[in-house]
Amino acid sequence: MAKRCIIIMNHEKRRFAAKVQYMTSPGFGSGGNWRIRHGLSGGGPSRVITSLETFSFDPEIHELLLSSYHHPGITIKKTKNETG
């Protein structure tokens, strides 16, 4: 219900699954105007900050985008290995 939400979490493969089995917070669902179609107020998440990277969302299709990857000792390869 918040207008702006920032998610902070550990970056682990099990948390970035290709398909979820249980959803505690809907975010943007399947993308596009999903929140509006399901009657959800608020703006959805604006950032996801993990122990490896920082992500934002495409403003139109609401797909998760890598927005910061210059953290010391972290490589894109490591991030891909920890992302489902």
PDB file of N, CA and C in Angstrom:
ATOM      1  N   MET A   1       0.814  -1.201   0.000  1.00  0.00           N
ATOM      2  CA  MET A   1       0.000   0.000   0.000  1.00  0.00           C
ATOM      3  C   MET A   1       0.856   1.263   0.000  1.00  0.00           C
ATOM      4  N   ALA A   2       2.165   1.110   0.209  1.00  0.00           N
ATOM      5  CA  ALA A   2       3.052   2.268   0.240  1.00  0.00           C
ATOM      6  C   ALA A   2       3.244   2.832  -1.163  1.00  0.00           C
ATOM      7  N   LYS A   3       3.503   4.114  -1.243  1.00  0.00           N
ATOM      8  CA  LYS A   3       3.760   4.726  -2.549  1.00  0.00           C
ATOM      9  C   LYS A   3       5.153   4.366  -3.051  1.00  0.00           C
ATOM     10  N   ARG A   4       6.062   4.096  -2.150  1.00  0.00           N
ATOM     11  CA  ARG A   4       7.429   3.735  -2.527  1.00  0.00           C
ATOM     12  C   ARG A   4       7.935   2.660  -1.572  1.00  0.00           C
ATOM     13  N   CYS A   5       8.524   1.627  -2.141  1.00  0.00           N
ATOM     14  CA  CYS A   5       9.003   0.509  -1.337  1.00  0.00           C
ATOM     15  C   CYS A   5      10.400   0.114  -1.815  1.00  0.00           C
ATOM     16  N   ILE A   6      11.304  -0.067  -0.896  1.00  0.00           N
ATOM     17  CA  ILE A   6      12.658  -0.525  -1.208  1.00  0.00           C
ATOM     18  C   ILE A   6      12.862  -1.857  -0.498  1.00  0.00           C
ATOM     19  N   ILE A   7      13.267  -2.863  -1.258  1.00  0.00           N
ATOM     20  CA  ILE A   7      13.475  -4.205  -0.713  1.00  0.00           C
ATOM     21  C   ILE A   7      14.967  -4.406  -0.489  1.00  0.00           C
ATOM     22  N   ILE A   8      15.337  -4.850   0.704  1.00  0.00           N
ATOM     23  CA  ILE A   8      16.731  -5.116   1.045  1.00  0.00           C
ATOM     24  C   ILE A   8      16.823  -6.581   1.449  1.00  0.00           C
ATOM     25  N   MET A   9      17.732  -7.317   0.790  1.00  0.00           N
ATOM     26  CA  MET A   9      17.812  -8.757   1.048  1.00  0.00           C
ATOM     27  C   MET A   9      19.165  -9.319   0.640  1.00  0.00           C
ATOM     28  N   ASN A  10      19.470 -10.521   1.129  1.00  0.00           N
ATOM     29  CA  ASN A  10      20.652 -11.238   0.668  1.00  0.00           C
ATOM     30  C   ASN A  10      20.402 -11.706  -0.764  1.00  0.00           C
ATOM     31  N   HIS A  11      21.444 -11.708  -1.561  1.00  0.00           N
ATOM     32  CA  HIS A  11      21.322 -12.162  -2.952  1.00  0.00           C
ATOM     33  C   HIS A  11      21.675 -13.639  -2.993  1.00  0.00           C
ATOM     34  N   GLU A  12      20.655 -14.483  -3.089  1.00  0.00           N
ATOM     35  CA  GLU A  12      20.840 -15.929  -3.129  1.00  0.00           C
ATOM     36  C   GLU A  12      19.979 -16.500  -4.246  1.00  0.00           C
ATOM     37  N   LYS A  13      20.452 -17.550  -4.887  1.00  0.00           N
ATOM     38  CA  LYS A  13      19.736 -18.170  -6.004  1.00  0.00           C
ATOM     39  C   LYS A  13      18.301 -18.527  -5.626  1.00  0.00           C
ATOM     40  N   ARG A  14      18.095 -19.040  -4.419  1.00  0.00           N
ATOM     41  CA  ARG A  14      16.750 -19.451  -4.015  1.00  0.00           C
ATOM     42  C   ARG A  14      15.794 -18.262  -3.869  1.00  0.00           C
ATOM     43  N   ARG A  15      16.317 -17.065  -3.661  1.00  0.00           N
ATOM     44  CA  ARG A  15      15.470 -15.874  -3.542  1.00  0.00           C
ATOM     45  C   ARG A  15      15.155 -15.239  -4.892  1.00  0.00           C
ATOM     46  N   PHE A  16      15.933 -15.600  -5.922  1.00  0.00           N
ATOM     47  CA  PHE A  16      15.713 -15.094  -7.274  1.00  0.00           C
ATOM     48  C   PHE A  16      15.324 -16.253  -8.184  1.00  0.00           C
ATOM     49  N   ALA A  17      14.328 -16.978  -7.796  1.00  0.00           N
ATOM     50  CA  ALA A  17      13.867 -18.154  -8.551  1.00  0.00           C
ATOM     51  C   ALA A  17      13.186 -17.727  -9.850  1.00  0.00           C
ATOM     52  N   ALA A  18      13.283 -18.583 -10.867  1.00  0.00           N
ATOM     53  CA  ALA A  18      12.623 -18.305 -12.152  1.00  0.00           C
ATOM     54  C   ALA A  18      11.103 -18.256 -11.975  1.00  0.00           C
ATOM     55  N   LYS A  19      10.576 -19.086 -11.103  1.00  0.00           N
ATOM     56  CA  LYS A  19       9.137 -19.102 -10.824  1.00  0.00           C
ATOM     57  C   LYS A  19       8.944 -19.295  -9.323  1.00  0.00           C
ATOM     58  N   VAL A  20       8.143 -18.443  -8.715  1.00  0.00           N
ATOM     59  CA  VAL A  20       7.928 -18.532  -7.276  1.00  0.00           C
ATOM     60  C   VAL A  20       6.789 -19.491  -6.959  1.00  0.00           C
ATOM     61  N   GLN A  21       6.856 -20.097  -5.775  1.00  0.00           N
ATOM     62  CA  GLN A  21       5.797 -20.990  -5.324  1.00  0.00           C
ATOM     63  C   GLN A  21       4.847 -20.284  -4.361  1.00  0.00           C
ATOM     64  N   TYR A  22       5.355 -19.250  -3.677  1.00  0.00           N
ATOM     65  CA  TYR A  22       4.550 -18.535  -2.692  1.00  0.00           C
ATOM     66  C   TYR A  22       4.978 -17.069  -2.716  1.00  0.00           C
ATOM     67  N   MET A  23       4.024 -16.158  -2.770  1.00  0.00           N
ATOM     68  CA  MET A  23       4.327 -14.742  -2.855  1.00  0.00           C
ATOM     69  C   MET A  23       3.833 -14.037  -1.591  1.00  0.00           C
ATOM     70  N   THR A  24       4.757 -13.417  -0.860  1.00  0.00           N
ATOM     71  CA  THR A  24       4.354 -12.681   0.337  1.00  0.00           C
ATOM     72  C   THR A  24       4.050 -11.224   0.015  1.00  0.00           C
ATOM     73  N   SER A  25       4.736 -10.669  -0.970  1.00  0.00           N
ATOM     74  CA  SER A  25       4.512  -9.293  -1.407  1.00  0.00           C
ATOM     75  C   SER A  25       4.443  -9.303  -2.928  1.00  0.00           C
ATOM     76  N   PRO A  26       3.360  -8.839  -3.525  1.00  0.00           N
ATOM     77  CA  PRO A  26       3.165  -9.036  -4.950  1.00  0.00           C
ATOM     78  C   PRO A  26       4.060  -8.241  -5.878  1.00  0.00           C
ATOM     79  N   GLY A  27       4.638  -7.141  -5.463  1.00  0.00           N
ATOM     80  CA  GLY A  27       5.482  -6.385  -6.389  1.00  0.00           C
ATOM     81  C   GLY A  27       4.721  -6.027  -7.647  1.00  0.00           C
ATOM     82  N   PHE A  28       5.251  -6.442  -8.821  1.00  0.00           N
ATOM     83  CA  PHE A  28       4.607  -6.137 -10.100  1.00  0.00           C
ATOM     84  C   PHE A  28       4.024  -7.375 -10.773  1.00  0.00           C
ATOM     85  N   GLY A  29       3.929  -8.483 -10.048  1.00  0.00           N
ATOM     86  CA  GLY A  29       3.324  -9.683 -10.610  1.00  0.00           C
ATOM     87  C   GLY A  29       3.957 -10.080 -11.927  1.00  0.00           C
ATOM     88  N   SER A  30       3.162 -10.216 -12.964  1.00  0.00           N
ATOM     89  CA  SER A  30       3.683 -10.614 -14.274  1.00  0.00           C
ATOM     90  C   SER A  30       4.079  -9.417 -15.134  1.00  0.00           C
ATOM     91  N   GLY A  31       4.098  -8.215 -14.548  1.00  0.00           N
ATOM     92  CA  GLY A  31       4.562  -7.032 -15.261  1.00  0.00           C
ATOM     93  C   GLY A  31       3.442  -6.192 -15.833  1.00  0.00           C
ATOM     94  N   GLY A  32       3.835  -5.180 -16.609  1.00  0.00           N
ATOM     95  CA  GLY A  32       2.862  -4.267 -17.212  1.00  0.00           C
ATOM     96  C   GLY A  32       1.979  -3.609 -16.174  1.00  0.00           C
ATOM     97  N   ASN A  33       0.682  -3.607 -16.413  1.00  0.00           N
ATOM     98  CA  ASN A  33      -0.260  -2.971 -15.472  1.00  0.00           C
ATOM     99  C   ASN A  33      -0.878  -3.986 -14.510  1.00  0.00           C
ATOM    100  N   TRP A  34      -0.157  -5.028 -14.182  1.00  0.00           N
ATOM    101  CA  TRP A  34      -0.638  -6.102 -13.316  1.00  0.00           C
ATOM    102  C   TRP A  34      -1.217  -5.575 -12.005  1.00  0.00           C
ATOM    103  N   ARG A  35      -0.540  -4.624 -11.362  1.00  0.00           N
ATOM    104  CA  ARG A  35      -1.020  -4.090 -10.079  1.00  0.00           C
ATOM    105  C   ARG A  35      -2.398  -3.440 -10.238  1.00  0.00           C
ATOM    106  N   ILE A  36      -2.577  -2.686 -11.297  1.00  0.00           N
ATOM    107  CA  ILE A  36      -3.860  -2.014 -11.539  1.00  0.00           C
ATOM    108  C   ILE A  36      -4.950  -3.045 -11.808  1.00  0.00           C
ATOM    109  N   ARG A  37      -4.657  -4.037 -12.641  1.00  0.00           N
ATOM    110  CA  ARG A  37      -5.648  -5.072 -12.971  1.00  0.00           C
ATOM    111  C   ARG A  37      -6.100  -5.837 -11.737  1.00  0.00           C
ATOM    112  N   HIS A  38      -5.224  -5.938 -10.725  1.00  0.00           N
ATOM    113  CA  HIS A  38      -5.576  -6.679  -9.511  1.00  0.00           C
ATOM    114  C   HIS A  38      -6.011  -5.758  -8.366  1.00  0.00           C
ATOM    115  N   GLY A  39      -6.230  -4.485  -8.674  1.00  0.00           N
ATOM    116  CA  GLY A  39      -6.763  -3.550  -7.691  1.00  0.00           C
ATOM    117  C   GLY A  39      -5.802  -3.196  -6.569  1.00  0.00           C
ATOM    118  N   LEU A  40      -4.510  -3.274  -6.831  1.00  0.00           N
ATOM    119  CA  LEU A  40      -3.521  -2.955  -5.791  1.00  0.00           C
ATOM    120  C   LEU A  40      -3.143  -1.475  -5.854  1.00  0.00           C
ATOM    121  N   SER A  41      -3.235  -0.823  -4.722  1.00  0.00           N
ATOM    122  CA  SER A  41      -2.826   0.582  -4.664  1.00  0.00           C
ATOM    123  C   SER A  41      -1.339   0.648  -4.355  1.00  0.00           C
ATOM    124  N   GLY A  42      -0.815   1.839  -4.360  1.00  0.00           N
ATOM    125  CA  GLY A  42       0.617   2.015  -4.101  1.00  0.00           C
ATOM    126  C   GLY A  42       1.413   1.806  -5.385  1.00  0.00           C
ATOM    127  N   GLY A  43       2.661   2.178  -5.327  1.00  0.00           N
ATOM    128  CA  GLY A  43       3.480   2.151  -6.530  1.00  0.00           C
ATOM    129  C   GLY A  43       4.280   0.893  -6.748  1.00  0.00           C
ATOM    130  N   GLY A  44       4.253  -0.027  -5.825  1.00  0.00           N
ATOM    131  CA  GLY A  44       5.091  -1.210  -5.956  1.00  0.00           C
ATOM    132  C   GLY A  44       6.530  -0.889  -5.583  1.00  0.00           C
ATOM    133  N   PRO A  45       7.414  -1.852  -5.672  1.00  0.00           N
ATOM    134  CA  PRO A  45       8.805  -1.619  -5.273  1.00  0.00           C
ATOM    135  C   PRO A  45       9.522  -0.682  -6.246  1.00  0.00           C
ATOM    136  N   SER A  46      10.433   0.139  -5.712  1.00  0.00           N
ATOM    137  CA  SER A  46      11.206   1.033  -6.569  1.00  0.00           C
ATOM    138  C   SER A  46      12.652   0.560  -6.715  1.00  0.00           C
ATOM    139  N   ARG A  47      13.157  -0.152  -5.733  1.00  0.00           N
ATOM    140  CA  ARG A  47      14.526  -0.671  -5.771  1.00  0.00           C
ATOM    141  C   ARG A  47      14.584  -2.007  -5.032  1.00  0.00           C
ATOM    142  N   VAL A  48      15.537  -2.827  -5.450  1.00  0.00           N
ATOM    143  CA  VAL A  48      15.902  -4.031  -4.714  1.00  0.00           C
ATOM    144  C   VAL A  48      17.399  -3.922  -4.471  1.00  0.00           C
ATOM    145  N   ILE A  49      17.766  -3.850  -3.216  1.00  0.00           N
ATOM    146  CA  ILE A  49      19.173  -3.746  -2.832  1.00  0.00           C
ATOM    147  C   ILE A  49      19.567  -5.078  -2.217  1.00  0.00           C
ATOM    148  N   THR A  50      20.546  -5.738  -2.830  1.00  0.00           N
ATOM    149  CA  THR A  50      20.976  -7.041  -2.327  1.00  0.00           C
ATOM    150  C   THR A  50      22.410  -6.955  -1.837  1.00  0.00           C
ATOM    151  N   SER A  51      22.874  -8.050  -1.302  1.00  0.00           N
ATOM    152  CA  SER A  51      24.253  -8.123  -0.822  1.00  0.00           C
ATOM    153  C   SER A  51      25.252  -8.099  -1.976  1.00  0.00           C
ATOM    154  N   LEU A  52      24.788  -8.239  -3.216  1.00  0.00           N
ATOM    155  CA  LEU A  52      25.678  -8.211  -4.380  1.00  0.00           C
ATOM    156  C   LEU A  52      25.472  -6.994  -5.274  1.00  0.00           C
ATOM    157  N   GLU A  53      24.259  -6.593  -5.500  1.00  0.00           N
ATOM    158  CA  GLU A  53      23.944  -5.568  -6.490  1.00  0.00           C
ATOM    159  C   GLU A  53      22.766  -4.703  -6.058  1.00  0.00           C
ATOM    160  N   THR A  54      22.489  -3.689  -6.891  1.00  0.00           N
ATOM    161  CA  THR A  54      21.301  -2.859  -6.722  1.00  0.00           C
ATOM    162  C   THR A  54      20.503  -2.922  -8.010  1.00  0.00           C
ATOM    163  N   PHE A  55      19.187  -3.103  -7.882  1.00  0.00           N
ATOM    164  CA  PHE A  55      18.299  -3.231  -9.031  1.00  0.00           C
ATOM    165  C   PHE A  55      17.222  -2.151  -8.969  1.00  0.00           C
ATOM    166  N   SER A  56      16.739  -1.765 -10.147  1.00  0.00           N
ATOM    167  CA  SER A  56      15.585  -0.874 -10.258  1.00  0.00           C
ATOM    168  C   SER A  56      14.578  -1.582 -11.168  1.00  0.00           C
ATOM    169  N   PHE A  57      13.517  -0.884 -11.542  1.00  0.00           N
ATOM    170  CA  PHE A  57      12.478  -1.473 -12.392  1.00  0.00           C
ATOM    171  C   PHE A  57      12.248  -0.598 -13.611  1.00  0.00           C
ATOM    172  N   ASP A  58      12.057  -1.239 -14.759  1.00  0.00           N
ATOM    173  CA  ASP A  58      11.699  -0.520 -15.972  1.00  0.00           C
ATOM    174  C   ASP A  58      10.369   0.185 -15.712  1.00  0.00           C
ATOM    175  N   PRO A  59      10.252   1.478 -16.003  1.00  0.00           N
ATOM    176  CA  PRO A  59       9.028   2.218 -15.665  1.00  0.00           C
ATOM    177  C   PRO A  59       7.774   1.784 -16.422  1.00  0.00           C
ATOM    178  N   GLU A  60       7.922   1.147 -17.584  1.00  0.00           N
ATOM    179  CA  GLU A  60       6.748   0.752 -18.354  1.00  0.00           C
ATOM    180  C   GLU A  60       6.373  -0.714 -18.170  1.00  0.00           C
ATOM    181  N   ILE A  61       7.357  -1.613 -18.303  1.00  0.00           N
ATOM    182  CA  ILE A  61       7.030  -3.042 -18.209  1.00  0.00           C
ATOM    183  C   ILE A  61       7.326  -3.628 -16.837  1.00  0.00           C
ATOM    184  N   HIS A  62       7.950  -2.839 -15.958  1.00  0.00           N
ATOM    185  CA  HIS A  62       8.235  -3.208 -14.568  1.00  0.00           C
ATOM    186  C   HIS A  62       9.132  -4.436 -14.431  1.00  0.00           C
ATOM    187  N   GLU A  63       9.990  -4.645 -15.397  1.00  0.00           N
ATOM    188  CA  GLU A  63      10.971  -5.729 -15.315  1.00  0.00           C
ATOM    189  C   GLU A  63      12.153  -5.270 -14.468  1.00  0.00           C
ATOM    190  N   LEU A  64      12.688  -6.183 -13.676  1.00  0.00           N
ATOM    191  CA  LEU A  64      13.825  -5.881 -12.812  1.00  0.00           C
ATOM    192  C   LEU A  64      15.060  -5.607 -13.667  1.00  0.00           C
ATOM    193  N   LEU A  65      15.759  -4.508 -13.376  1.00  0.00           N
ATOM    194  CA  LEU A  65      16.946  -4.103 -14.122  1.00  0.00           C
ATOM    195  C   LEU A  65      18.142  -3.958 -13.188  1.00  0.00           C
ATOM    196  N   LEU A  66      19.281  -4.442 -13.605  1.00  0.00           N
ATOM    197  CA  LEU A  66      20.519  -4.244 -12.846  1.00  0.00           C
ATOM    198  C   LEU A  66      20.920  -2.782 -12.992  1.00  0.00           C
ATOM    199  N   SER A  67      20.997  -2.053 -11.894  1.00  0.00           N
ATOM    200  CA  SER A  67      21.303  -0.622 -11.989  1.00  0.00           C
ATOM    201  C   SER A  67      22.654  -0.249 -11.395  1.00  0.00           C
ATOM    202  N   SER A  68      23.235  -1.115 -10.573  1.00  0.00           N
ATOM    203  CA  SER A  68      24.546  -0.827  -9.996  1.00  0.00           C
ATOM    204  C   SER A  68      25.300  -2.139  -9.811  1.00  0.00           C
ATOM    205  N   TYR A  69      26.464  -2.223 -10.427  1.00  0.00           N
ATOM    206  CA  TYR A  69      27.242  -3.463 -10.343  1.00  0.00           C
ATOM    207  C   TYR A  69      28.732  -3.210 -10.119  1.00  0.00           C
ATOM    208  N   HIS A  70      29.069  -2.079  -9.592  1.00  0.00           N
ATOM    209  CA  HIS A  70      30.472  -1.741  -9.366  1.00  0.00           C
ATOM    210  C   HIS A  70      30.866  -1.873  -7.895  1.00  0.00           C
ATOM    211  N   HIS A  71      30.424  -2.919  -7.256  1.00  0.00           N
ATOM    212  CA  HIS A  71      30.756  -3.129  -5.859  1.00  0.00           C
ATOM    213  C   HIS A  71      32.080  -3.878  -5.754  1.00  0.00           C
ATOM    214  N   PRO A  72      32.939  -3.532  -4.824  1.00  0.00           N
ATOM    215  CA  PRO A  72      34.256  -4.182  -4.712  1.00  0.00           C
ATOM    216  C   PRO A  72      34.157  -5.699  -4.570  1.00  0.00           C
ATOM    217  N   GLY A  73      34.880  -6.414  -5.421  1.00  0.00           N
ATOM    218  CA  GLY A  73      34.941  -7.868  -5.342  1.00  0.00           C
ATOM    219  C   GLY A  73      33.761  -8.605  -5.949  1.00  0.00           C
ATOM    220  N   ILE A  74      32.783  -7.885  -6.464  1.00  0.00           N
ATOM    221  CA  ILE A  74      31.595  -8.516  -7.040  1.00  0.00           C
ATOM    222  C   ILE A  74      31.670  -8.411  -8.562  1.00  0.00           C
ATOM    223  N   THR A  75      31.470  -9.536  -9.234  1.00  0.00           N
ATOM    224  CA  THR A  75      31.489  -9.548 -10.693  1.00  0.00           C
ATOM    225  C   THR A  75      30.096  -9.896 -11.217  1.00  0.00           C
ATOM    226  N   ILE A  76      29.857  -9.572 -12.477  1.00  0.00           N
ATOM    227  CA  ILE A  76      28.589  -9.932 -13.111  1.00  0.00           C
ATOM    228  C   ILE A  76      28.436 -11.452 -13.106  1.00  0.00           C
ATOM    229  N   LYS A  77      29.529 -12.172 -13.318  1.00  0.00           N
ATOM    230  CA  LYS A  77      29.489 -13.640 -13.311  1.00  0.00           C
ATOM    231  C   LYS A  77      28.998 -14.164 -11.963  1.00  0.00           C
ATOM    232  N   LYS A  78      29.508 -13.591 -10.871  1.00  0.00           N
ATOM    233  CA  LYS A  78      29.074 -14.020  -9.539  1.00  0.00           C
ATOM    234  C   LYS A  78      27.585 -13.773  -9.355  1.00  0.00           C
ATOM    235  N   THR A  79      27.129 -12.598  -9.809  1.00  0.00           N
ATOM    236  CA  THR A  79      25.710 -12.267  -9.695  1.00  0.00           C
ATOM    237  C   THR A  79      24.860 -13.248 -10.492  1.00  0.00           C
ATOM    238  N   LYS A  80      25.274 -13.542 -11.739  1.00  0.00           N
ATOM    239  CA  LYS A  80      24.524 -14.510 -12.554  1.00  0.00           C
ATOM    240  C   LYS A  80      24.466 -15.870 -11.881  1.00  0.00           C
ATOM    241  N   ASN A  81      25.566 -16.298 -11.260  1.00  0.00           N
ATOM    242  CA  ASN A  81      25.600 -17.599 -10.591  1.00  0.00           C
ATOM    243  C   ASN A  81      24.659 -17.656  -9.388  1.00  0.00           C
ATOM    244  N   GLU A  82      24.376 -16.511  -8.796  1.00  0.00           N
ATOM    245  CA  GLU A  82      23.509 -16.453  -7.620  1.00  0.00           C
ATOM    246  C   GLU A  82      22.078 -16.026  -7.962  1.00  0.00           C
ATOM    247  N   THR A  83      21.750 -15.989  -9.252  1.00  0.00           N
ATOM    248  CA  THR A  83      20.433 -15.574  -9.690  1.00  0.00           C
ATOM    249  C   THR A  83      19.762 -16.711 -10.446  1.00  0.00           C
ATOM    250  N   GLY A  84      18.573 -17.115 -10.020  1.00  0.00           N
ATOM    251  CA  GLY A  84      17.851 -18.209 -10.658  1.00  0.00           C
ATOM    252  C   GLY A  84      17.316 -17.855 -12.019  1.00  0.00           C
TER     253      GLY A  84
END
